[in-house]
């Protein structure tokens, strides 16, 4: 999961501080990015991080499924 604070270029309209955003991310155990599509700040980095996390999650799922199949296949019959 990635927590994104958008429109960082509109500092005067900020509702959530950077400290609050980081604290939420820490509590939720996720990455935190402040972004601005207008200024091109951290948008690509946020998406790359999310995609990397999704890829790692899928690899773990695939690994667990293979392990379950192996355990089932190698279980001796009594």
N, C-alpha and C. Protein backbone atom coordinates (compact mmCIF):
# COMPACT_ATOMS: atom_id res chain seq x y z
N UNK A 1 0.85 -1.17 0.00
CA UNK A 1 0.00 0.00 0.00
C UNK A 1 0.90 1.23 0.00
N UNK A 2 0.45 2.25 -0.70
CA UNK A 2 1.16 3.51 -0.78
C UNK A 2 0.20 4.63 -0.42
N UNK A 3 0.60 5.47 0.51
CA UNK A 3 -0.19 6.63 0.90
C UNK A 3 0.37 7.83 0.15
N UNK A 4 -0.51 8.54 -0.58
CA UNK A 4 -0.07 9.66 -1.40
C UNK A 4 -0.79 10.93 -0.98
N UNK A 5 0.01 11.95 -0.65
CA UNK A 5 -0.52 13.29 -0.42
C UNK A 5 -0.33 14.05 -1.72
N UNK A 6 -1.41 14.41 -2.37
CA UNK A 6 -1.32 15.04 -3.69
C UNK A 6 -1.37 16.56 -3.59
N UNK A 7 -1.06 17.18 -4.71
CA UNK A 7 -1.10 18.64 -4.87
C UNK A 7 -0.20 19.35 -3.86
N UNK A 8 1.00 18.79 -3.68
CA UNK A 8 1.95 19.38 -2.75
C UNK A 8 2.35 20.80 -3.20
N UNK A 9 2.09 21.12 -4.45
CA UNK A 9 2.40 22.46 -4.97
C UNK A 9 1.44 23.52 -4.41
N UNK A 10 0.33 23.10 -3.80
CA UNK A 10 -0.64 24.04 -3.23
C UNK A 10 -0.46 24.11 -1.71
N UNK A 11 0.73 24.49 -1.29
CA UNK A 11 1.10 24.50 0.13
C UNK A 11 0.13 25.31 0.98
N UNK A 12 -0.34 26.43 0.46
CA UNK A 12 -1.23 27.30 1.24
C UNK A 12 -2.61 26.68 1.49
N UNK A 13 -2.94 25.64 0.73
CA UNK A 13 -4.23 24.96 0.89
C UNK A 13 -4.10 23.62 1.60
N UNK A 14 -2.93 23.36 2.13
CA UNK A 14 -2.64 22.08 2.79
C UNK A 14 -3.60 21.84 3.96
N UNK A 15 -4.11 20.61 4.04
CA UNK A 15 -5.00 20.20 5.12
C UNK A 15 -4.26 19.22 6.06
N UNK A 16 -3.44 18.35 5.49
CA UNK A 16 -2.68 17.37 6.26
C UNK A 16 -1.20 17.72 6.14
N UNK A 17 -0.53 17.85 7.27
CA UNK A 17 0.89 18.18 7.24
C UNK A 17 1.73 16.99 6.80
N UNK A 18 2.94 17.25 6.40
CA UNK A 18 3.84 16.18 6.00
C UNK A 18 4.10 15.24 7.19
N UNK A 19 4.22 15.81 8.37
CA UNK A 19 4.43 15.00 9.58
C UNK A 19 3.24 14.08 9.81
N UNK A 20 2.02 14.61 9.65
CA UNK A 20 0.82 13.78 9.82
C UNK A 20 0.78 12.65 8.79
N UNK A 21 1.12 12.98 7.55
CA UNK A 21 1.15 11.96 6.49
C UNK A 21 2.13 10.86 6.79
N UNK A 22 3.32 11.24 7.25
CA UNK A 22 4.32 10.24 7.61
C UNK A 22 3.86 9.38 8.78
N UNK A 23 3.18 10.00 9.73
CA UNK A 23 2.68 9.27 10.89
C UNK A 23 1.59 8.27 10.48
N UNK A 24 0.67 8.68 9.60
CA UNK A 24 -0.34 7.76 9.09
C UNK A 24 0.33 6.58 8.39
N UNK A 25 1.32 6.88 7.56
CA UNK A 25 2.02 5.82 6.82
C UNK A 25 2.72 4.86 7.78
N UNK A 26 3.31 5.39 8.83
CA UNK A 26 3.98 4.54 9.81
C UNK A 26 2.96 3.63 10.50
N UNK A 27 1.82 4.20 10.90
CA UNK A 27 0.77 3.41 11.56
C UNK A 27 0.22 2.33 10.65
N UNK A 28 0.07 2.65 9.37
CA UNK A 28 -0.50 1.71 8.41
C UNK A 28 0.56 0.83 7.75
N UNK A 29 1.82 1.04 8.15
CA UNK A 29 2.94 0.27 7.61
C UNK A 29 3.00 0.33 6.08
N UNK A 30 3.01 1.55 5.57
CA UNK A 30 3.05 1.72 4.13
C UNK A 30 4.00 2.86 3.75
N UNK A 31 4.29 2.95 2.48
CA UNK A 31 5.13 4.03 1.96
C UNK A 31 4.32 5.31 1.89
N UNK A 32 5.02 6.44 1.99
CA UNK A 32 4.35 7.75 1.92
C UNK A 32 5.06 8.64 0.92
N UNK A 33 4.29 9.26 0.05
CA UNK A 33 4.81 10.20 -0.93
C UNK A 33 3.94 11.44 -0.96
N UNK A 34 4.57 12.58 -1.03
CA UNK A 34 3.85 13.82 -1.35
C UNK A 34 4.12 14.09 -2.81
N UNK A 35 3.06 14.32 -3.58
CA UNK A 35 3.20 14.44 -5.03
C UNK A 35 2.61 15.74 -5.56
N UNK A 36 3.05 16.08 -6.75
CA UNK A 36 2.46 17.16 -7.53
C UNK A 36 2.57 16.77 -9.00
N UNK A 37 1.43 16.46 -9.59
CA UNK A 37 1.43 16.15 -11.02
C UNK A 37 1.80 17.40 -11.81
N UNK A 38 1.36 18.54 -11.34
CA UNK A 38 1.62 19.82 -12.02
C UNK A 38 3.12 20.09 -12.11
N UNK A 39 3.84 19.81 -11.03
CA UNK A 39 5.28 20.06 -11.00
C UNK A 39 6.11 18.80 -11.29
N UNK A 40 5.44 17.68 -11.44
CA UNK A 40 6.14 16.42 -11.72
C UNK A 40 6.94 15.92 -10.53
N UNK A 41 6.41 16.10 -9.33
CA UNK A 41 7.13 15.72 -8.12
C UNK A 41 6.60 14.38 -7.59
N UNK A 42 7.48 13.39 -7.52
CA UNK A 42 7.23 12.10 -6.89
C UNK A 42 6.10 11.25 -7.48
N UNK A 43 5.50 11.64 -8.57
CA UNK A 43 4.40 10.87 -9.15
C UNK A 43 4.93 9.52 -9.65
N UNK A 44 5.98 9.57 -10.44
CA UNK A 44 6.54 8.33 -10.98
C UNK A 44 7.07 7.44 -9.86
N UNK A 45 7.72 8.04 -8.87
CA UNK A 45 8.27 7.27 -7.75
C UNK A 45 7.16 6.55 -6.98
N UNK A 46 6.04 7.23 -6.76
CA UNK A 46 4.92 6.62 -6.04
C UNK A 46 4.37 5.42 -6.82
N UNK A 47 4.20 5.57 -8.14
CA UNK A 47 3.69 4.47 -8.95
C UNK A 47 4.69 3.32 -9.01
N UNK A 48 5.96 3.65 -9.15
CA UNK A 48 6.99 2.59 -9.19
C UNK A 48 6.99 1.78 -7.89
N UNK A 49 6.87 2.48 -6.77
CA UNK A 49 6.84 1.80 -5.47
C UNK A 49 5.63 0.90 -5.36
N UNK A 50 4.47 1.39 -5.78
CA UNK A 50 3.24 0.60 -5.73
C UNK A 50 3.36 -0.64 -6.61
N UNK A 51 3.87 -0.47 -7.83
CA UNK A 51 4.02 -1.60 -8.75
C UNK A 51 5.01 -2.62 -8.18
N UNK A 52 6.10 -2.14 -7.59
CA UNK A 52 7.08 -3.04 -6.99
C UNK A 52 6.44 -3.84 -5.86
N UNK A 53 5.66 -3.19 -5.02
CA UNK A 53 4.99 -3.88 -3.93
C UNK A 53 3.99 -4.91 -4.45
N UNK A 54 3.26 -4.56 -5.49
CA UNK A 54 2.30 -5.49 -6.08
C UNK A 54 3.03 -6.71 -6.66
N UNK A 55 4.15 -6.47 -7.32
CA UNK A 55 4.94 -7.55 -7.90
C UNK A 55 5.47 -8.48 -6.81
N UNK A 56 6.00 -7.90 -5.73
CA UNK A 56 6.51 -8.70 -4.63
C UNK A 56 5.40 -9.51 -3.97
N UNK A 57 4.24 -8.91 -3.82
CA UNK A 57 3.09 -9.61 -3.24
C UNK A 57 2.68 -10.79 -4.11
N UNK A 58 2.65 -10.60 -5.42
CA UNK A 58 2.28 -11.68 -6.34
C UNK A 58 3.31 -12.80 -6.30
N UNK A 59 4.59 -12.43 -6.22
CA UNK A 59 5.64 -13.46 -6.16
C UNK A 59 5.50 -14.30 -4.89
N UNK A 60 5.19 -13.64 -3.77
CA UNK A 60 5.01 -14.37 -2.52
C UNK A 60 3.80 -15.30 -2.63
N UNK A 61 2.74 -14.82 -3.23
CA UNK A 61 1.54 -15.64 -3.40
C UNK A 61 1.86 -16.86 -4.27
N UNK A 62 2.57 -16.63 -5.38
CA UNK A 62 2.94 -17.73 -6.27
C UNK A 62 3.82 -18.74 -5.55
N UNK A 63 4.76 -18.26 -4.77
CA UNK A 63 5.67 -19.13 -4.03
C UNK A 63 4.89 -19.97 -3.02
N UNK A 64 3.97 -19.34 -2.30
CA UNK A 64 3.16 -20.07 -1.32
C UNK A 64 2.29 -21.12 -1.98
N UNK A 65 1.73 -20.79 -3.14
CA UNK A 65 0.89 -21.77 -3.85
C UNK A 65 1.72 -22.97 -4.31
N UNK A 66 2.94 -22.71 -4.80
CA UNK A 66 3.81 -23.81 -5.23
C UNK A 66 4.18 -24.68 -4.04
N UNK A 67 4.47 -24.04 -2.92
CA UNK A 67 4.83 -24.79 -1.71
C UNK A 67 3.66 -25.66 -1.25
N UNK A 68 2.45 -25.13 -1.29
CA UNK A 68 1.27 -25.90 -0.90
C UNK A 68 1.08 -27.11 -1.82
N UNK A 69 1.29 -26.92 -3.12
CA UNK A 69 1.15 -28.03 -4.06
C UNK A 69 2.20 -29.10 -3.79
N UNK A 70 3.42 -28.67 -3.48
CA UNK A 70 4.50 -29.63 -3.21
C UNK A 70 4.21 -30.42 -1.93
N UNK A 71 3.74 -29.74 -0.92
CA UNK A 71 3.42 -30.42 0.34
C UNK A 71 2.33 -31.44 0.11
N UNK A 72 1.32 -31.07 -0.65
CA UNK A 72 0.22 -31.99 -0.95
C UNK A 72 0.73 -33.18 -1.76
N UNK A 73 1.58 -32.91 -2.73
CA UNK A 73 2.07 -33.96 -3.61
C UNK A 73 3.01 -34.90 -2.87
N UNK A 74 3.82 -34.41 -1.94
CA UNK A 74 4.79 -35.23 -1.23
C UNK A 74 4.26 -35.83 0.07
N UNK A 75 3.03 -35.57 0.42
CA UNK A 75 2.48 -36.14 1.64
C UNK A 75 2.32 -37.64 1.45
N UNK A 76 3.00 -38.43 2.30
CA UNK A 76 2.89 -39.89 2.15
C UNK A 76 1.51 -40.39 2.59
N UNK A 77 1.07 -41.40 1.92
CA UNK A 77 -0.22 -42.02 2.28
C UNK A 77 0.03 -43.04 3.40
N UNK A 78 -0.83 -43.01 4.34
CA UNK A 78 -0.68 -43.94 5.47
C UNK A 78 -1.80 -44.94 5.44
